[in-house]
C-alpha cells in the first residue's frame, strides 16, 4: 500500500514517508492531538520499514546459505521478523488511512 502510494507520487518509500511527516507537521489547523496521533503512526511506519530492511537482509543471507548447501537455522526467525514488521506496517497504514477518512 505504501509502496504503491509512493510510486504514484514518483517518490521512494522513504521520500513518501518523509513528505507525509512534513505535511502532518505543517498543518496548523489540526489539533495537537491529531498531529500527535498521526506522528505516532508515521513513526511506526518508519520503524516497520527499517525492520523490514533488516529482516530482508537476514532472509537474503539465509537463502544464500541454503543455495550453497549449508543449513540456515536463522531462516524461521527471519521469516517471523518479516511477518511481524509487515503486520506492523499494515496496521500503521490502516490507522493512517482511517484517520484521514474521518
PDB file of N, CA and C in Angstrom:
ATOM      1  N   UNK A   1       0.815  -1.172   0.000  1.00  0.00           N
ATOM      2  CA  UNK A   1       0.000   0.000   0.000  1.00  0.00           C
ATOM      3  C   UNK A   1       0.873   1.256   0.000  1.00  0.00           C
ATOM      4  N   UNK A   2       1.869   1.308   0.872  1.00  0.00           N
ATOM      5  CA  UNK A   2       2.743   2.472   0.941  1.00  0.00           C
ATOM      6  C   UNK A   2       3.603   2.545  -0.306  1.00  0.00           C
ATOM      7  N   UNK A   3       4.109   1.380  -0.745  1.00  0.00           N
ATOM      8  CA  UNK A   3       4.924   1.364  -1.964  1.00  0.00           C
ATOM      9  C   UNK A   3       4.143   1.891  -3.155  1.00  0.00           C
ATOM     10  N   UNK A   4       2.891   1.464  -3.294  1.00  0.00           N
ATOM     11  CA  UNK A   4       2.109   1.906  -4.449  1.00  0.00           C
ATOM     12  C   UNK A   4       1.795   3.392  -4.348  1.00  0.00           C
ATOM     13  N   UNK A   5       1.532   3.891  -3.151  1.00  0.00           N
ATOM     14  CA  UNK A   5       1.285   5.329  -2.984  1.00  0.00           C
ATOM     15  C   UNK A   5       2.541   6.124  -3.319  1.00  0.00           C
ATOM     16  N   UNK A   6       3.690   5.639  -2.872  1.00  0.00           N
ATOM     17  CA  UNK A   6       4.953   6.318  -3.183  1.00  0.00           C
ATOM     18  C   UNK A   6       5.210   6.305  -4.685  1.00  0.00           C
ATOM     19  N   UNK A   7       4.952   5.174  -5.322  1.00  0.00           N
ATOM     20  CA  UNK A   7       5.163   5.068  -6.772  1.00  0.00           C
ATOM     21  C   UNK A   7       4.248   6.029  -7.524  1.00  0.00           C
ATOM     22  N   UNK A   8       2.999   6.141  -7.085  1.00  0.00           N
ATOM     23  CA  UNK A   8       2.064   7.068  -7.739  1.00  0.00           C
ATOM     24  C   UNK A   8       2.534   8.514  -7.622  1.00  0.00           C
ATOM     25  N   UNK A   9       3.293   8.802  -6.579  1.00  0.00           N
ATOM     26  CA  UNK A   9       3.820  10.158  -6.376  1.00  0.00           C
ATOM     27  C   UNK A   9       5.228  10.312  -6.951  1.00  0.00           C
ATOM     28  N   UNK A  10       5.721   9.254  -7.602  1.00  0.00           N
ATOM     29  CA  UNK A  10       7.090   9.242  -8.139  1.00  0.00           C
ATOM     30  C   UNK A  10       8.125   9.522  -7.050  1.00  0.00           C
ATOM     31  N   UNK A  11       7.929   8.895  -5.891  1.00  0.00           N
ATOM     32  CA  UNK A  11       8.833   9.053  -4.758  1.00  0.00           C
ATOM     33  C   UNK A  11       9.291   7.692  -4.269  1.00  0.00           C
ATOM     34  N   UNK A  12      10.453   7.682  -3.621  1.00  0.00           N
ATOM     35  CA  UNK A  12      10.865   6.469  -2.920  1.00  0.00           C
ATOM     36  C   UNK A  12       9.962   6.327  -1.697  1.00  0.00           C
ATOM     37  N   UNK A  13       9.966   5.144  -1.095  1.00  0.00           N
ATOM     38  CA  UNK A  13       9.159   4.946   0.112  1.00  0.00           C
ATOM     39  C   UNK A  13       9.621   5.910   1.205  1.00  0.00           C
ATOM     40  N   UNK A  14      10.940   6.050   1.372  1.00  0.00           N
ATOM     41  CA  UNK A  14      11.461   6.965   2.394  1.00  0.00           C
ATOM     42  C   UNK A  14      11.032   8.399   2.102  1.00  0.00           C
ATOM     43  N   UNK A  15      11.103   8.801   0.844  1.00  0.00           N
ATOM     44  CA  UNK A  15      10.686  10.151   0.468  1.00  0.00           C
ATOM     45  C   UNK A  15       9.210  10.384   0.716  1.00  0.00           C
ATOM     46  N   UNK A  16       8.407   9.378   0.389  1.00  0.00           N
ATOM     47  CA  UNK A  16       6.963   9.474   0.611  1.00  0.00           C
ATOM     48  C   UNK A  16       6.655   9.626   2.097  1.00  0.00           C
ATOM     49  N   UNK A  17       7.298   8.793   2.924  1.00  0.00           N
ATOM     50  CA  UNK A  17       7.070   8.869   4.367  1.00  0.00           C
ATOM     51  C   UNK A  17       7.552  10.201   4.932  1.00  0.00           C
ATOM     52  N   UNK A  18       8.681  10.702   4.424  1.00  0.00           N
ATOM     53  CA  UNK A  18       9.191  11.993   4.887  1.00  0.00           C
ATOM     54  C   UNK A  18       8.215  13.112   4.536  1.00  0.00           C
ATOM     55  N   UNK A  19       7.689  13.087   3.312  1.00  0.00           N
ATOM     56  CA  UNK A  19       6.721  14.119   2.916  1.00  0.00           C
ATOM     57  C   UNK A  19       5.452  14.035   3.754  1.00  0.00           C
ATOM     58  N   UNK A  20       5.017  12.823   4.046  1.00  0.00           N
ATOM     59  CA  UNK A  20       3.826  12.660   4.881  1.00  0.00           C
ATOM     60  C   UNK A  20       4.066  13.246   6.270  1.00  0.00           C
ATOM     61  N   UNK A  21       5.253  13.010   6.814  1.00  0.00           N
ATOM     62  CA  UNK A  21       5.584  13.543   8.138  1.00  0.00           C
ATOM     63  C   UNK A  21       5.633  15.067   8.115  1.00  0.00           C
ATOM     64  N   UNK A  22       6.244  15.634   7.081  1.00  0.00           N
ATOM     65  CA  UNK A  22       6.318  17.094   6.974  1.00  0.00           C
ATOM     66  C   UNK A  22       4.937  17.713   6.791  1.00  0.00           C
ATOM     67  N   UNK A  23       4.105  17.079   5.982  1.00  0.00           N
ATOM     68  CA  UNK A  23       2.751  17.591   5.771  1.00  0.00           C
ATOM     69  C   UNK A  23       1.972  17.597   7.082  1.00  0.00           C
ATOM     70  N   UNK A  24       2.144  16.560   7.868  1.00  0.00           N
ATOM     71  CA  UNK A  24       1.457  16.493   9.159  1.00  0.00           C
ATOM     72  C   UNK A  24       1.941  17.601  10.087  1.00  0.00           C
ATOM     73  N   UNK A  25       3.226  17.898  10.055  1.00  0.00           N
ATOM     74  CA  UNK A  25       3.788  18.921  10.937  1.00  0.00           C
ATOM     75  C   UNK A  25       3.392  20.332  10.515  1.00  0.00           C
ATOM     76  N   UNK A  26       3.132  20.539   9.229  1.00  0.00           N
ATOM     77  CA  UNK A  26       2.830  21.884   8.714  1.00  0.00           C
ATOM     78  C   UNK A  26       1.366  22.289   8.841  1.00  0.00           C
ATOM     79  N   UNK A  27       0.477  21.358   9.042  1.00  0.00           N
ATOM     80  CA  UNK A  27      -0.954  21.667   9.060  1.00  0.00           C
ATOM     81  C   UNK A  27      -1.330  22.285  10.405  1.00  0.00           C
ATOM     82  N   UNK A  28      -1.427  23.599  10.446  1.00  0.00           N
ATOM     83  CA  UNK A  28      -1.666  24.314  11.698  1.00  0.00           C
ATOM     84  C   UNK A  28      -3.130  24.320  12.121  1.00  0.00           C
ATOM     85  N   UNK A  29      -4.026  23.853  11.250  1.00  0.00           N
ATOM     86  CA  UNK A  29      -5.448  23.844  11.581  1.00  0.00           C
ATOM     87  C   UNK A  29      -5.863  22.627  12.404  1.00  0.00           C
ATOM     88  N   UNK A  30      -4.990  21.661  12.495  1.00  0.00           N
ATOM     89  CA  UNK A  30      -5.332  20.464  13.258  1.00  0.00           C
ATOM     90  C   UNK A  30      -4.916  20.632  14.708  1.00  0.00           C
ATOM     91  N   UNK A  31      -5.550  19.896  15.566  1.00  0.00           N
ATOM     92  CA  UNK A  31      -5.190  19.953  16.980  1.00  0.00           C
ATOM     93  C   UNK A  31      -3.890  19.196  17.203  1.00  0.00           C
ATOM     94  N   UNK A  32      -3.255  19.504  18.312  1.00  0.00           N
ATOM     95  CA  UNK A  32      -2.007  18.803  18.625  1.00  0.00           C
ATOM     96  C   UNK A  32      -2.256  17.316  18.832  1.00  0.00           C
ATOM     97  N   UNK A  33      -3.433  16.945  19.313  1.00  0.00           N
ATOM     98  CA  UNK A  33      -3.757  15.522  19.498  1.00  0.00           C
ATOM     99  C   UNK A  33      -3.827  14.810  18.152  1.00  0.00           C
ATOM    100  N   UNK A  34      -4.425  15.467  17.158  1.00  0.00           N
ATOM    101  CA  UNK A  34      -4.490  14.860  15.818  1.00  0.00           C
ATOM    102  C   UNK A  34      -3.093  14.682  15.247  1.00  0.00           C
ATOM    103  N   UNK A  35      -2.276  15.730  15.370  1.00  0.00           N
ATOM    104  CA  UNK A  35      -0.913  15.668  14.840  1.00  0.00           C
ATOM    105  C   UNK A  35      -0.114  14.602  15.574  1.00  0.00           C
ATOM    106  N   UNK A  36      -0.245  14.548  16.901  1.00  0.00           N
ATOM    107  CA  UNK A  36       0.488  13.547  17.684  1.00  0.00           C
ATOM    108  C   UNK A  36       0.082  12.145  17.275  1.00  0.00           C
ATOM    109  N   UNK A  37      -1.217  11.927  17.053  1.00  0.00           N
ATOM    110  CA  UNK A  37      -1.678  10.607  16.634  1.00  0.00           C
ATOM    111  C   UNK A  37      -1.128  10.219  15.280  1.00  0.00           C
ATOM    112  N   UNK A  38      -1.123  11.161  14.356  1.00  0.00           N
ATOM    113  CA  UNK A  38      -0.589  10.872  13.026  1.00  0.00           C
ATOM    114  C   UNK A  38       0.920  10.674  13.086  1.00  0.00           C
ATOM    115  N   UNK A  39       1.592  11.475  13.885  1.00  0.00           N
ATOM    116  CA  UNK A  39       3.047  11.345  14.021  1.00  0.00           C
ATOM    117  C   UNK A  39       3.395   9.961  14.562  1.00  0.00           C
ATOM    118  N   UNK A  40       2.580   9.482  15.498  1.00  0.00           N
ATOM    119  CA  UNK A  40       2.781   8.148  16.070  1.00  0.00           C
ATOM    120  C   UNK A  40       2.686   7.077  14.979  1.00  0.00           C
ATOM    121  N   UNK A  41       1.707   7.221  14.101  1.00  0.00           N
ATOM    122  CA  UNK A  41       1.520   6.258  13.014  1.00  0.00           C
ATOM    123  C   UNK A  41       2.684   6.338  12.038  1.00  0.00           C
ATOM    124  N   UNK A  42       3.100   7.542  11.691  1.00  0.00           N
ATOM    125  CA  UNK A  42       4.210   7.706  10.749  1.00  0.00           C
ATOM    126  C   UNK A  42       5.493   7.141  11.345  1.00  0.00           C
ATOM    127  N   UNK A  43       5.706   7.361  12.640  1.00  0.00           N
ATOM    128  CA  UNK A  43       6.874   6.781  13.309  1.00  0.00           C
ATOM    129  C   UNK A  43       6.828   5.259  13.228  1.00  0.00           C
ATOM    130  N   UNK A  44       5.654   4.686  13.421  1.00  0.00           N
ATOM    131  CA  UNK A  44       5.507   3.229  13.315  1.00  0.00           C
ATOM    132  C   UNK A  44       5.814   2.751  11.899  1.00  0.00           C
ATOM    133  N   UNK A  45       5.409   3.528  10.896  1.00  0.00           N
ATOM    134  CA  UNK A  45       5.702   3.145   9.510  1.00  0.00           C
ATOM    135  C   UNK A  45       7.206   3.171   9.243  1.00  0.00           C
ATOM    136  N   UNK A  46       7.895   4.216   9.704  1.00  0.00           N
ATOM    137  CA  UNK A  46       9.347   4.284   9.532  1.00  0.00           C
ATOM    138  C   UNK A  46      10.025   3.119  10.247  1.00  0.00           C
ATOM    139  N   UNK A  47       9.575   2.824  11.465  1.00  0.00           N
ATOM    140  CA  UNK A  47      10.148   1.727  12.234  1.00  0.00           C
ATOM    141  C   UNK A  47       9.939   0.393  11.516  1.00  0.00           C
ATOM    142  N   UNK A  48       8.747   0.206  10.980  1.00  0.00           N
ATOM    143  CA  UNK A  48       8.451  -1.030  10.249  1.00  0.00           C
ATOM    144  C   UNK A  48       9.323  -1.159   9.017  1.00  0.00           C
ATOM    145  N   UNK A  49       9.502  -0.062   8.312  1.00  0.00           N
ATOM    146  CA  UNK A  49      10.325  -0.086   7.102  1.00  0.00           C
ATOM    147  C   UNK A  49      11.758  -0.495   7.443  1.00  0.00           C
ATOM    148  N   UNK A  50      12.291   0.066   8.539  1.00  0.00           N
ATOM    149  CA  UNK A  50      13.648  -0.278   8.960  1.00  0.00           C
ATOM    150  C   UNK A  50      13.734  -1.762   9.333  1.00  0.00           C
ATOM    151  N   UNK A  51      12.750  -2.234  10.080  1.00  0.00           N
ATOM    152  CA  UNK A  51      12.748  -3.641  10.483  1.00  0.00           C
ATOM    153  C   UNK A  51      12.592  -4.570   9.285  1.00  0.00           C
ATOM    154  N   UNK A  52      11.788  -4.171   8.314  1.00  0.00           N
ATOM    155  CA  UNK A  52      11.650  -4.988   7.102  1.00  0.00           C
ATOM    156  C   UNK A  52      12.973  -5.050   6.346  1.00  0.00           C
ATOM    157  N   UNK A  53      13.711  -3.961   6.330  1.00  0.00           N
ATOM    158  CA  UNK A  53      15.026  -3.960   5.687  1.00  0.00           C
ATOM    159  C   UNK A  53      15.983  -4.924   6.365  1.00  0.00           C
ATOM    160  N   UNK A  54      16.009  -4.882   7.690  1.00  0.00           N
ATOM    161  CA  UNK A  54      16.872  -5.804   8.438  1.00  0.00           C
ATOM    162  C   UNK A  54      16.463  -7.250   8.187  1.00  0.00           C
ATOM    163  N   UNK A  55      15.174  -7.500   8.262  1.00  0.00           N
ATOM    164  CA  UNK A  55      14.683  -8.865   8.078  1.00  0.00           C
ATOM    165  C   UNK A  55      14.946  -9.343   6.660  1.00  0.00           C
ATOM    166  N   UNK A  56      14.775  -8.463   5.686  1.00  0.00           N
ATOM    167  CA  UNK A  56      15.059  -8.830   4.301  1.00  0.00           C
ATOM    168  C   UNK A  56      16.521  -9.198   4.116  1.00  0.00           C
ATOM    169  N   UNK A  57      17.390  -8.467   4.768  1.00  0.00           N
ATOM    170  CA  UNK A  57      18.819  -8.778   4.715  1.00  0.00           C
ATOM    171  C   UNK A  57      19.086 -10.153   5.320  1.00  0.00           C
ATOM    172  N   UNK A  58      18.446 -10.443   6.451  1.00  0.00           N
ATOM    173  CA  UNK A  58      18.598 -11.759   7.078  1.00  0.00           C
ATOM    174  C   UNK A  58      18.073 -12.867   6.164  1.00  0.00           C
ATOM    175  N   UNK A  59      16.956 -12.616   5.502  1.00  0.00           N
ATOM    176  CA  UNK A  59      16.410 -13.615   4.573  1.00  0.00           C
ATOM    177  C   UNK A  59      17.366 -13.856   3.413  1.00  0.00           C
ATOM    178  N   UNK A  60      17.947 -12.792   2.883  1.00  0.00           N
ATOM    179  CA  UNK A  60      18.904 -12.952   1.788  1.00  0.00           C
ATOM    180  C   UNK A  60      20.094 -13.796   2.223  1.00  0.00           C
ATOM    181  N   UNK A  61      20.585 -13.572   3.432  1.00  0.00           N
ATOM    182  CA  UNK A  61      21.705 -14.360   3.941  1.00  0.00           C
ATOM    183  C   UNK A  61      21.312 -15.828   4.097  1.00  0.00           C
ATOM    184  N   UNK A  62      20.101 -16.076   4.569  1.00  0.00           N
ATOM    185  CA  UNK A  62      19.636 -17.452   4.741  1.00  0.00           C
ATOM    186  C   UNK A  62      19.502 -18.154   3.399  1.00  0.00           C
ATOM    187  N   UNK A  63      18.948 -17.472   2.415  1.00  0.00           N
ATOM    188  CA  UNK A  63      18.796 -18.067   1.083  1.00  0.00           C
ATOM    189  C   UNK A  63      20.162 -18.338   0.469  1.00  0.00           C
ATOM    190  N   UNK A  64      21.094 -17.420   0.650  1.00  0.00           N
ATOM    191  CA  UNK A  64      22.457 -17.633   0.141  1.00  0.00           C
ATOM    192  C   UNK A  64      23.062 -18.887   0.775  1.00  0.00           C
ATOM    193  N   UNK A  65      22.867 -19.045   2.082  1.00  0.00           N
ATOM    194  CA  UNK A  65      23.389 -20.227   2.773  1.00  0.00           C
ATOM    195  C   UNK A  65      22.726 -21.494   2.252  1.00  0.00           C
ATOM    196  N   UNK A  66      21.412 -21.455   2.061  1.00  0.00           N
ATOM    197  CA  UNK A  66      20.698 -22.627   1.538  1.00  0.00           C
ATOM    198  C   UNK A  66      21.168 -22.979   0.134  1.00  0.00           C
ATOM    199  N   UNK A  67      21.371 -21.972  -0.699  1.00  0.00           N
ATOM    200  CA  UNK A  67      21.821 -22.215  -2.072  1.00  0.00           C
ATOM    201  C   UNK A  67      23.224 -22.791  -2.136  1.00  0.00           C
ATOM    202  N   UNK A  68      24.032 -22.542  -1.110  1.00  0.00           N
ATOM    203  CA  UNK A  68      25.387 -23.091  -1.099  1.00  0.00           C
ATOM    204  C   UNK A  68      25.443 -24.444  -0.394  1.00  0.00           C
ATOM    205  N   UNK A  69      24.273 -24.958  -0.006  1.00  0.00           N
ATOM    206  CA  UNK A  69      24.216 -26.276   0.610  1.00  0.00           C
ATOM    207  C   UNK A  69      24.308 -26.267   2.122  1.00  0.00           C
ATOM    208  N   UNK A  70      24.419 -25.109   2.711  1.00  0.00           N
ATOM    209  CA  UNK A  70      24.529 -25.017   4.168  1.00  0.00           C
ATOM    210  C   UNK A  70      23.136 -24.993   4.801  1.00  0.00           C
ATOM    211  N   UNK A  71      23.122 -25.186   6.095  1.00  0.00           N
ATOM    212  CA  UNK A  71      21.878 -25.038   6.844  1.00  0.00           C
ATOM    213  C   UNK A  71      21.630 -23.546   7.077  1.00  0.00           C
ATOM    214  N   UNK A  72      20.390 -23.203   7.280  1.00  0.00           N
ATOM    215  CA  UNK A  72      20.029 -21.812   7.586  1.00  0.00           C
ATOM    216  C   UNK A  72      19.149 -21.803   8.828  1.00  0.00           C
ATOM    217  N   UNK A  73      19.762 -22.010  10.002  1.00  0.00           N
ATOM    218  CA  UNK A  73      18.969 -22.102  11.224  1.00  0.00           C
ATOM    219  C   UNK A  73      18.230 -20.805  11.564  1.00  0.00           C
ATOM    220  N   UNK A  74      18.687 -19.693  11.036  1.00  0.00           N
ATOM    221  CA  UNK A  74      18.053 -18.409  11.329  1.00  0.00           C
ATOM    222  C   UNK A  74      16.876 -18.113  10.408  1.00  0.00           C
ATOM    223  N   UNK A  75      16.573 -19.004   9.469  1.00  0.00           N
ATOM    224  CA  UNK A  75      15.531 -18.737   8.485  1.00  0.00           C
ATOM    225  C   UNK A  75      14.157 -18.536   9.128  1.00  0.00           C
ATOM    226  N   UNK A  76      13.766 -19.394  10.038  1.00  0.00           N
ATOM    227  CA  UNK A  76      12.445 -19.252  10.661  1.00  0.00           C
ATOM    228  C   UNK A  76      12.325 -17.942  11.429  1.00  0.00           C
ATOM    229  N   UNK A  77      13.379 -17.561  12.121  1.00  0.00           N
ATOM    230  CA  UNK A  77      13.357 -16.296  12.867  1.00  0.00           C
ATOM    231  C   UNK A  77      13.273 -15.109  11.913  1.00  0.00           C
ATOM    232  N   UNK A  78      13.981 -15.187  10.787  1.00  0.00           N
ATOM    233  CA  UNK A  78      13.942 -14.097   9.808  1.00  0.00           C
ATOM    234  C   UNK A  78      12.556 -13.968   9.188  1.00  0.00           C
ATOM    235  N   UNK A  79      11.943 -15.091   8.847  1.00  0.00           N
ATOM    236  CA  UNK A  79      10.592 -15.062   8.275  1.00  0.00           C
ATOM    237  C   UNK A  79       9.605 -14.498   9.302  1.00  0.00           C
ATOM    238  N   UNK A  80       9.750 -14.890  10.549  1.00  0.00           N
ATOM    239  CA  UNK A  80       8.869 -14.373  11.602  1.00  0.00           C
ATOM    240  C   UNK A  80       9.047 -12.865  11.768  1.00  0.00           C
ATOM    241  N   UNK A  81      10.287 -12.394  11.679  1.00  0.00           N
ATOM    242  CA  UNK A  81      10.543 -10.952  11.791  1.00  0.00           C
ATOM    243  C   UNK A  81       9.915 -10.190  10.634  1.00  0.00           C
ATOM    244  N   UNK A  82       9.990 -10.759   9.436  1.00  0.00           N
ATOM    245  CA  UNK A  82       9.368 -10.119   8.271  1.00  0.00           C
ATOM    246  C   UNK A  82       7.860 -10.042   8.475  1.00  0.00           C
ATOM    247  N   UNK A  83       7.279 -11.115   8.937  1.00  0.00           N
ATOM    248  CA  UNK A  83       5.824 -11.118   9.172  1.00  0.00           C
ATOM    249  C   UNK A  83       5.419 -10.078  10.213  1.00  0.00           C
ATOM    250  N   UNK A  84       6.173  -9.998  11.308  1.00  0.00           N
ATOM    251  CA  UNK A  84       5.848  -9.016  12.351  1.00  0.00           C
ATOM    252  C   UNK A  84       5.969  -7.588  11.821  1.00  0.00           C
ATOM    253  N   UNK A  85       7.043  -7.310  11.107  1.00  0.00           N
ATOM    254  CA  UNK A  85       7.245  -5.960  10.577  1.00  0.00           C
ATOM    255  C   UNK A  85       6.194  -5.620   9.528  1.00  0.00           C
ATOM    256  N   UNK A  86       5.860  -6.580   8.679  1.00  0.00           N
ATOM    257  CA  UNK A  86       4.831  -6.342   7.661  1.00  0.00           C
ATOM    258  C   UNK A  86       3.476  -6.101   8.319  1.00  0.00           C
ATOM    259  N   UNK A  87       3.164  -6.855   9.361  1.00  0.00           N
ATOM    260  CA  UNK A  87       1.904  -6.646  10.085  1.00  0.00           C
ATOM    261  C   UNK A  87       1.862  -5.258  10.717  1.00  0.00           C
ATOM    262  N   UNK A  88       2.980  -4.845  11.313  1.00  0.00           N
ATOM    263  CA  UNK A  88       3.049  -3.522  11.926  1.00  0.00           C
ATOM    264  C   UNK A  88       2.862  -2.428  10.883  1.00  0.00           C
ATOM    265  N   UNK A  89       3.514  -2.581   9.727  1.00  0.00           N
ATOM    266  CA  UNK A  89       3.380  -1.591   8.651  1.00  0.00           C
ATOM    267  C   UNK A  89       1.941  -1.535   8.162  1.00  0.00           C
ATOM    268  N   UNK A  90       1.334  -2.693   8.004  1.00  0.00           N
ATOM    269  CA  UNK A  90      -0.051  -2.740   7.530  1.00  0.00           C
ATOM    270  C   UNK A  90      -0.991  -2.067   8.536  1.00  0.00           C
ATOM    271  N   UNK A  91      -0.811  -2.373   9.811  1.00  0.00           N
ATOM    272  CA  UNK A  91      -1.659  -1.777  10.851  1.00  0.00           C
ATOM    273  C   UNK A  91      -1.486  -0.262  10.898  1.00  0.00           C
ATOM    274  N   UNK A  92      -0.246   0.207  10.800  1.00  0.00           N
ATOM    275  CA  UNK A  92       0.007   1.649  10.843  1.00  0.00           C
ATOM    276  C   UNK A  92      -0.589   2.344   9.625  1.00  0.00           C
ATOM    277  N   UNK A  93      -0.433   1.748   8.460  1.00  0.00           N
ATOM    278  CA  UNK A  93      -1.005   2.331   7.243  1.00  0.00           C
ATOM    279  C   UNK A  93      -2.526   2.362   7.326  1.00  0.00           C
ATOM    280  N   UNK A  94      -3.116   1.309   7.850  1.00  0.00           N
ATOM    281  CA  UNK A  94      -4.571   1.266   8.005  1.00  0.00           C
ATOM    282  C   UNK A  94      -5.047   2.357   8.954  1.00  0.00           C
ATOM    283  N   UNK A  95      -4.338   2.545  10.069  1.00  0.00           N
ATOM    284  CA  UNK A  95      -4.706   3.606  11.018  1.00  0.00           C
ATOM    285  C   UNK A  95      -4.595   4.982  10.374  1.00  0.00           C
ATOM    286  N   UNK A  96      -3.550   5.188   9.578  1.00  0.00           N
ATOM    287  CA  UNK A  96      -3.366   6.474   8.913  1.00  0.00           C
ATOM    288  C   UNK A  96      -4.492   6.730   7.920  1.00  0.00           C
ATOM    289  N   UNK A  97      -4.852   5.713   7.162  1.00  0.00           N
ATOM    290  CA  UNK A  97      -5.941   5.848   6.182  1.00  0.00           C
ATOM    291  C   UNK A  97      -7.264   6.109   6.895  1.00  0.00           C
ATOM    292  N   UNK A  98      -7.530   5.369   7.968  1.00  0.00           N
ATOM    293  CA  UNK A  98      -8.766   5.573   8.730  1.00  0.00           C
ATOM    294  C   UNK A  98      -8.813   6.972   9.332  1.00  0.00           C
ATOM    295  N   UNK A  99      -7.662   7.444   9.802  1.00  0.00           N
ATOM    296  CA  UNK A  99      -7.588   8.776  10.399  1.00  0.00           C
ATOM    297  C   UNK A  99      -7.909   9.852   9.363  1.00  0.00           C
ATOM    298  N   UNK A 100      -7.398   9.686   8.159  1.00  0.00           N
ATOM    299  CA  UNK A 100      -7.652  10.669   7.104  1.00  0.00           C
ATOM    300  C   UNK A 100      -9.080  10.578   6.590  1.00  0.00           C
ATOM    301  N   UNK A 101      -9.691   9.411   6.717  1.00  0.00           N
ATOM    302  CA  UNK A 101     -11.064   9.239   6.255  1.00  0.00           C
ATOM    303  C   UNK A 101     -12.093   9.806   7.215  1.00  0.00           C
ATOM    304  N   UNK A 102     -11.686  10.019   8.458  1.00  0.00           N
ATOM    305  CA  UNK A 102     -12.661  10.507   9.450  1.00  0.00           C
ATOM    306  C   UNK A 102     -12.678  12.010   9.546  1.00  0.00           C
TER     307      UNK A 102
END
